[in-house]
Amino acid sequence: MDVIRKKIGIDMDGVLADIEAQFMDWYEKEYGILVPREQRLGVSESEGFPDQMAIRRYVYTPGFFRTIPVMPGAIEAVKTLMEDYDVFIVSAATEFPQCLAEKMEWLNEYFPFISWKNIILCGDKSVIDTDYLIDDHCKNLDFCKGKPVMFNGSHNVNQLHHTRVMNWKEVLELFAKEKVSVI
């Protein structure tokens, strides 16, 4: 009897890719100001910086998405999840068309073990039909067809209506519990 594997959708920016670190780094290089995380808690990414247009400018700058650092623990955690689940990378990338190639190059560098067939670059994640969605934005999680899992970020600290994970270690702990509850 074939076992049907559950599917996990995983967002890129703010989940696999440490976009907060990238915003902070680019802002500091441009303005010479390191904006502390505490100052950015509970507000959108752009509202957390004195020049609110800077973030919008960065996401349209060639090279921005290609050079985002990988989130600590993400590579190892995704490999572990792939042992028991079908993993799909889901990114609302079409808003910034120049980033499509950069995101594919980034994934090929850090996650070469994920097949191109399991990469979904889209506009609206509400069409995604996975058993779980790990994301850092309620605009995606609120319409998740499966179980939503919120990856912690400065901008979402006041959003309390989804299961929250603080890091990739907690993601693995959550899915270990999920696996036990199914047995």
C-alpha atoms as a PDB file:
ATOM      1  CA  MET A   1       0.000   0.000   0.000  1.00  0.00           C
ATOM      2  CA  ASP A   2       1.393   3.398  -1.027  1.00  0.00           C
ATOM      3  CA  VAL A   3       1.568   5.972   1.714  1.00  0.00           C
ATOM      4  CA  ILE A   4       0.378   9.406   0.654  1.00  0.00           C
ATOM      5  CA  ARG A   5       2.894  11.976   1.811  1.00  0.00           C
ATOM      6  CA  LYS A   6       1.634  15.280   3.124  1.00  0.00           C
ATOM      7  CA  LYS A   7       2.745  18.468   1.393  1.00  0.00           C
ATOM      8  CA  ILE A   8       4.444  21.485   2.963  1.00  0.00           C
ATOM      9  CA  GLY A   9       4.588  24.843   1.210  1.00  0.00           C
ATOM     10  CA  ILE A  10       7.501  27.002   2.388  1.00  0.00           C
ATOM     11  CA  ASP A  11       7.823  30.717   1.689  1.00  0.00           C
ATOM     12  CA  MET A  12      11.193  32.153   0.680  1.00  0.00           C
ATOM     13  CA  ASP A  13      11.559  35.745   1.924  1.00  0.00           C
ATOM     14  CA  GLY A  14      11.485  35.895   5.705  1.00  0.00           C
ATOM     15  CA  VAL A  15      11.426  32.105   6.045  1.00  0.00           C
ATOM     16  CA  LEU A  16      14.213  30.533   3.970  1.00  0.00           C
ATOM     17  CA  ALA A  17      15.899  33.816   3.087  1.00  0.00           C
ATOM     18  CA  ASP A  18      16.725  36.303   5.853  1.00  0.00           C
ATOM     19  CA  ILE A  19      15.233  39.346   4.145  1.00  0.00           C
ATOM     20  CA  GLU A  20      15.185  41.330   7.417  1.00  0.00           C
ATOM     21  CA  ALA A  21      18.976  41.061   7.625  1.00  0.00           C
ATOM     22  CA  GLN A  22      19.218  42.095   3.966  1.00  0.00           C
ATOM     23  CA  PHE A  23      17.006  45.171   4.493  1.00  0.00           C
ATOM     24  CA  MET A  24      19.029  46.185   7.554  1.00  0.00           C
ATOM     25  CA  ASP A  25      22.346  45.670   5.768  1.00  0.00           C
ATOM     26  CA  TRP A  26      21.346  47.591   2.635  1.00  0.00           C
ATOM     27  CA  TYR A  27      19.832  50.413   4.686  1.00  0.00           C
ATOM     28  CA  GLU A  28      22.945  50.740   6.841  1.00  0.00           C
ATOM     29  CA  LYS A  29      25.199  50.776   3.751  1.00  0.00           C
ATOM     30  CA  GLU A  30      23.108  53.485   2.091  1.00  0.00           C
ATOM     31  CA  TYR A  31      22.356  55.719   5.090  1.00  0.00           C
ATOM     32  CA  GLY A  32      24.982  54.774   7.672  1.00  0.00           C
ATOM     33  CA  ILE A  33      22.189  53.986  10.144  1.00  0.00           C
ATOM     34  CA  LEU A  34      21.614  50.607  11.782  1.00  0.00           C
ATOM     35  CA  VAL A  35      17.899  50.529  12.596  1.00  0.00           C
ATOM     36  CA  PRO A  36      17.428  48.296  15.672  1.00  0.00           C
ATOM     37  CA  ARG A  37      14.964  45.410  15.453  1.00  0.00           C
ATOM     38  CA  GLU A  38      13.035  46.795  18.440  1.00  0.00           C
ATOM     39  CA  GLN A  39      12.213  49.912  16.422  1.00  0.00           C
ATOM     40  CA  ARG A  40      10.721  47.756  13.645  1.00  0.00           C
ATOM     41  CA  LEU A  41       8.519  45.494  15.786  1.00  0.00           C
ATOM     42  CA  GLY A  42       4.907  45.258  14.698  1.00  0.00           C
ATOM     43  CA  VAL A  43       5.128  47.463  11.618  1.00  0.00           C
ATOM     44  CA  SER A  44       5.473  46.596   7.942  1.00  0.00           C
ATOM     45  CA  GLU A  45       8.968  46.177   6.581  1.00  0.00           C
ATOM     46  CA  SER A  46       8.984  49.624   4.942  1.00  0.00           C
ATOM     47  CA  GLU A  47       7.482  51.450   7.957  1.00  0.00           C
ATOM     48  CA  GLY A  48      10.308  50.192  10.159  1.00  0.00           C
ATOM     49  CA  PHE A  49      12.903  52.425   8.520  1.00  0.00           C
ATOM     50  CA  PRO A  50      13.170  56.236   8.572  1.00  0.00           C
ATOM     51  CA  ASP A  51      13.137  56.415   4.750  1.00  0.00           C
ATOM     52  CA  GLN A  52      10.086  54.300   4.053  1.00  0.00           C
ATOM     53  CA  MET A  53      10.706  54.341   0.285  1.00  0.00           C
ATOM     54  CA  ALA A  54      14.106  52.658   0.660  1.00  0.00           C
ATOM     55  CA  ILE A  55      12.693  49.153   1.121  1.00  0.00           C
ATOM     56  CA  ARG A  56      10.512  49.476  -1.973  1.00  0.00           C
ATOM     57  CA  ARG A  57      13.560  50.675  -3.923  1.00  0.00           C
ATOM     58  CA  TYR A  58      15.681  47.750  -2.718  1.00  0.00           C
ATOM     59  CA  VAL A  59      13.225  45.072  -3.852  1.00  0.00           C
ATOM     60  CA  TYR A  60      13.382  46.508  -7.372  1.00  0.00           C
ATOM     61  CA  THR A  61      17.190  46.687  -7.379  1.00  0.00           C
ATOM     62  CA  PRO A  62      18.984  43.995  -9.406  1.00  0.00           C
ATOM     63  CA  GLY A  63      20.986  41.737  -7.107  1.00  0.00           C
ATOM     64  CA  PHE A  64      18.876  42.325  -4.003  1.00  0.00           C
ATOM     65  CA  PHE A  65      17.129  38.927  -3.990  1.00  0.00           C
ATOM     66  CA  ARG A  66      20.180  37.050  -5.263  1.00  0.00           C
ATOM     67  CA  THR A  67      22.324  38.108  -2.304  1.00  0.00           C
ATOM     68  CA  ILE A  68      19.943  37.582   0.630  1.00  0.00           C
ATOM     69  CA  PRO A  69      21.556  35.458   3.352  1.00  0.00           C
ATOM     70  CA  VAL A  70      20.021  32.066   4.035  1.00  0.00           C
ATOM     71  CA  MET A  71      18.065  31.791   7.293  1.00  0.00           C
ATOM     72  CA  PRO A  72      20.062  29.945  10.004  1.00  0.00           C
ATOM     73  CA  GLY A  73      19.156  26.262  10.110  1.00  0.00           C
ATOM     74  CA  ALA A  74      16.945  26.377   7.010  1.00  0.00           C
ATOM     75  CA  ILE A  75      18.986  24.116   4.725  1.00  0.00           C
ATOM     76  CA  GLU A  76      19.317  21.299   7.237  1.00  0.00           C
ATOM     77  CA  ALA A  77      15.684  21.613   8.353  1.00  0.00           C
ATOM     78  CA  VAL A  78      14.312  21.438   4.808  1.00  0.00           C
ATOM     79  CA  LYS A  79      16.411  18.330   4.130  1.00  0.00           C
ATOM     80  CA  THR A  80      14.974  16.755   7.296  1.00  0.00           C
ATOM     81  CA  LEU A  81      11.387  17.659   6.346  1.00  0.00           C
ATOM     82  CA  MET A  82      11.886  16.152   2.892  1.00  0.00           C
ATOM     83  CA  GLU A  83      12.445  12.748   4.489  1.00  0.00           C
ATOM     84  CA  ASP A  84       8.744  12.544   5.422  1.00  0.00           C
ATOM     85  CA  TYR A  85       6.979  15.275   3.419  1.00  0.00           C
ATOM     86  CA  ASP A  86       6.753  16.586  -0.120  1.00  0.00           C
ATOM     87  CA  VAL A  87       8.234  20.078   0.162  1.00  0.00           C
ATOM     88  CA  PHE A  88       7.333  22.920  -2.184  1.00  0.00           C
ATOM     89  CA  ILE A  89       8.942  26.344  -2.219  1.00  0.00           C
ATOM     90  CA  VAL A  90       6.197  28.945  -2.673  1.00  0.00           C
ATOM     91  CA  SER A  91       7.109  32.572  -3.321  1.00  0.00           C
ATOM     92  CA  ALA A  92       4.872  35.452  -4.391  1.00  0.00           C
ATOM     93  CA  ALA A  93       7.613  36.597  -6.733  1.00  0.00           C
ATOM     94  CA  THR A  94       5.726  37.956  -9.712  1.00  0.00           C
ATOM     95  CA  GLU A  95       5.181  41.346  -8.032  1.00  0.00           C
ATOM     96  CA  PHE A  96       8.898  41.961  -8.637  1.00  0.00           C
ATOM     97  CA  PRO A  97       9.527  40.329 -12.050  1.00  0.00           C
ATOM     98  CA  GLN A  98      13.281  41.032 -12.020  1.00  0.00           C
ATOM     99  CA  CYS A  99      13.594  38.768  -8.990  1.00  0.00           C
ATOM    100  CA  LEU A 100      12.368  35.595 -10.717  1.00  0.00           C
ATOM    101  CA  ALA A 101      15.774  34.615 -12.125  1.00  0.00           C
ATOM    102  CA  GLU A 102      17.522  35.772  -8.938  1.00  0.00           C
ATOM    103  CA  LYS A 103      15.285  33.610  -6.761  1.00  0.00           C
ATOM    104  CA  MET A 104      15.912  30.566  -8.955  1.00  0.00           C
ATOM    105  CA  GLU A 105      19.678  31.170  -8.811  1.00  0.00           C
ATOM    106  CA  TRP A 106      19.471  31.598  -5.028  1.00  0.00           C
ATOM    107  CA  LEU A 107      17.514  28.356  -4.632  1.00  0.00           C
ATOM    108  CA  ASN A 108      19.941  26.504  -6.897  1.00  0.00           C
ATOM    109  CA  GLU A 109      22.829  27.683  -4.731  1.00  0.00           C
ATOM    110  CA  TYR A 110      21.382  26.991  -1.277  1.00  0.00           C
ATOM    111  CA  PHE A 111      18.730  24.320  -1.965  1.00  0.00           C
ATOM    112  CA  PRO A 112      19.993  22.410  -5.020  1.00  0.00           C
ATOM    113  CA  PHE A 113      18.311  19.264  -3.683  1.00  0.00           C
ATOM    114  CA  ILE A 114      14.844  20.730  -4.363  1.00  0.00           C
ATOM    115  CA  SER A 115      13.548  19.872  -7.826  1.00  0.00           C
ATOM    116  CA  TRP A 116      12.421  22.674 -10.129  1.00  0.00           C
ATOM    117  CA  LYS A 117       9.068  20.854 -10.136  1.00  0.00           C
ATOM    118  CA  ASN A 118       8.708  21.754  -6.450  1.00  0.00           C
ATOM    119  CA  ILE A 119       9.273  25.494  -6.908  1.00  0.00           C
ATOM    120  CA  ILE A 120       6.199  27.686  -7.317  1.00  0.00           C
ATOM    121  CA  LEU A 121       6.796  31.353  -8.123  1.00  0.00           C
ATOM    122  CA  CYS A 122       3.371  32.982  -8.155  1.00  0.00           C
ATOM    123  CA  GLY A 123       1.405  36.120  -7.387  1.00  0.00           C
ATOM    124  CA  ASP A 124      -1.381  34.966  -5.067  1.00  0.00           C
ATOM    125  CA  LYS A 125      -0.659  32.147  -2.625  1.00  0.00           C
ATOM    126  CA  SER A 126      -4.352  31.493  -1.962  1.00  0.00           C
ATOM    127  CA  VAL A 127      -4.256  29.097  -4.939  1.00  0.00           C
ATOM    128  CA  ILE A 128      -1.688  26.908  -3.176  1.00  0.00           C
ATOM    129  CA  ASP A 129      -3.205  23.673  -1.880  1.00  0.00           C
ATOM    130  CA  THR A 130      -0.709  22.130   0.541  1.00  0.00           C
ATOM    131  CA  ASP A 131      -1.350  20.446   3.874  1.00  0.00           C
ATOM    132  CA  TYR A 132       0.826  23.066   5.600  1.00  0.00           C
ATOM    133  CA  LEU A 133       2.091  26.525   4.685  1.00  0.00           C
ATOM    134  CA  ILE A 134       5.065  28.069   6.484  1.00  0.00           C
ATOM    135  CA  ASP A 135       5.028  31.815   5.839  1.00  0.00           C
ATOM    136  CA  ASP A 136       5.717  35.081   7.632  1.00  0.00           C
ATOM    137  CA  HIS A 137       2.697  37.032   6.338  1.00  0.00           C
ATOM    138  CA  CYS A 138      -0.930  36.698   7.440  1.00  0.00           C
ATOM    139  CA  LYS A 139      -2.047  37.803   3.972  1.00  0.00           C
ATOM    140  CA  ASN A 140      -0.889  34.352   2.845  1.00  0.00           C
ATOM    141  CA  LEU A 141      -1.635  32.313   5.955  1.00  0.00           C
ATOM    142  CA  ASP A 142      -5.197  33.586   6.426  1.00  0.00           C
ATOM    143  CA  PHE A 143      -6.224  31.890   3.173  1.00  0.00           C
ATOM    144  CA  CYS A 144      -4.136  28.747   3.596  1.00  0.00           C
ATOM    145  CA  LYS A 145      -6.137  25.642   2.677  1.00  0.00           C
ATOM    146  CA  GLY A 146      -4.100  23.479   5.086  1.00  0.00           C
ATOM    147  CA  LYS A 147      -2.550  24.269   8.461  1.00  0.00           C
ATOM    148  CA  PRO A 148      -0.903  27.707   8.591  1.00  0.00           C
ATOM    149  CA  VAL A 149       2.433  28.061  10.387  1.00  0.00           C
ATOM    150  CA  MET A 150       3.698  31.595  10.984  1.00  0.00           C
ATOM    151  CA  PHE A 151       7.450  32.062  10.861  1.00  0.00           C
ATOM    152  CA  ASN A 152       8.376  34.836  13.266  1.00  0.00           C
ATOM    153  CA  GLY A 153       9.411  38.196  11.865  1.00  0.00           C
ATOM    154  CA  SER A 154       9.611  41.749  13.195  1.00  0.00           C
ATOM    155  CA  HIS A 155       6.579  42.760  11.132  1.00  0.00           C
ATOM    156  CA  ASN A 156       4.290  39.974  12.425  1.00  0.00           C
ATOM    157  CA  VAL A 157       4.926  40.035  16.195  1.00  0.00           C
ATOM    158  CA  ASN A 158       1.416  41.373  16.902  1.00  0.00           C
ATOM    159  CA  GLN A 159      -0.316  38.747  14.762  1.00  0.00           C
ATOM    160  CA  LEU A 160      -1.442  36.049  17.162  1.00  0.00           C
ATOM    161  CA  HIS A 161      -3.991  33.934  15.294  1.00  0.00           C
ATOM    162  CA  HIS A 162      -1.667  31.341  13.731  1.00  0.00           C
ATOM    163  CA  THR A 163       0.706  28.751  15.162  1.00  0.00           C
ATOM    164  CA  ARG A 164       4.012  30.614  15.478  1.00  0.00           C
ATOM    165  CA  VAL A 165       7.533  29.252  15.144  1.00  0.00           C
ATOM    166  CA  MET A 166      10.527  31.394  16.079  1.00  0.00           C
ATOM    167  CA  ASN A 167      13.163  29.576  13.997  1.00  0.00           C
ATOM    168  CA  TRP A 168      13.882  26.415  12.035  1.00  0.00           C
ATOM    169  CA  LYS A 169      14.560  24.387  15.182  1.00  0.00           C
ATOM    170  CA  GLU A 170      10.974  25.073  16.253  1.00  0.00           C
ATOM    171  CA  VAL A 171       9.715  24.145  12.781  1.00  0.00           C
ATOM    172  CA  LEU A 172      11.306  20.713  13.149  1.00  0.00           C
ATOM    173  CA  GLU A 173       9.878  20.321  16.661  1.00  0.00           C
ATOM    174  CA  LEU A 174       6.399  21.220  15.410  1.00  0.00           C
ATOM    175  CA  PHE A 175       6.548  18.721  12.552  1.00  0.00           C
ATOM    176  CA  ALA A 176       7.919  16.010  14.844  1.00  0.00           C
ATOM    177  CA  LYS A 177       4.762  16.494  16.947  1.00  0.00           C
ATOM    178  CA  GLU A 178       2.596  16.478  13.808  1.00  0.00           C
ATOM    179  CA  LYS A 179       4.166  13.207  12.718  1.00  0.00           C
ATOM    180  CA  VAL A 180       3.496  11.606  16.121  1.00  0.00           C
ATOM    181  CA  SER A 181      -0.135  12.803  16.151  1.00  0.00           C
ATOM    182  CA  VAL A 182      -0.768  11.123  12.795  1.00  0.00           C
ATOM    183  CA  ILE A 183       0.515   7.718  13.931  1.00  0.00           C
END
